[in-house]
């Protein structure tokens, strides 16, 4: 399939299927979490045409990473749940797994205890069948979506890091990489302290 053909197919899918399903999915997840405190936001989106095509063109060595990008790329619909604190992630994850069927689950943390960087919980989940209405063309109906669950600090750091680290045309200098690592450590520390304070105050307010 040529790049032009792939772009036309995905553009149709984006405009006529993915955006509508993403909106339904967002409302569905908000409904599941309506009684859970300390959730900053729930959002879903269809992967933009430009980002899809960029991902579809990725190579693994000398071979294309995706031979069938329309069926292999799993985050054509992506969702985020942003919690206040680290201790909120597990209760949210439990509800999600109670109602949505997982295909894959990953907890992303730095490789070494001496490193700081991106952290988050990622799921690939089946889209509930009742959100896929019969009017949607069969060949363009999504089957699964990616869901990320992160704290406010994890999300904020990841967004800023992505913006800074992927903009330069040349590789970052050692000093620039150190600055990014420093901000990651600060975000990790702030996340930990706020979570500990939250738990301390919660215990202090508990009835005897």
Foldseek 3Di string as FASTA:
>chain_A
DDLVVVLVVVVCLQVPPQAQLQVVVQVVLCVLCVPPPFWPGKHKHFDDSVVLSVQQQDADVPHGPDPPSLQPDQASMEMEIAGAAPVSQVVSVVSCVVPWPFPDKDWDADPDPPFFDATWIKTKTFRDPVSHDPVDDPVSHHGIHMYIYYYPLNVVLVVVCCVPCPPDPDHDDPVVVVVSRVSRVVSVVVRVVVNVVVVVVVVVPDDD
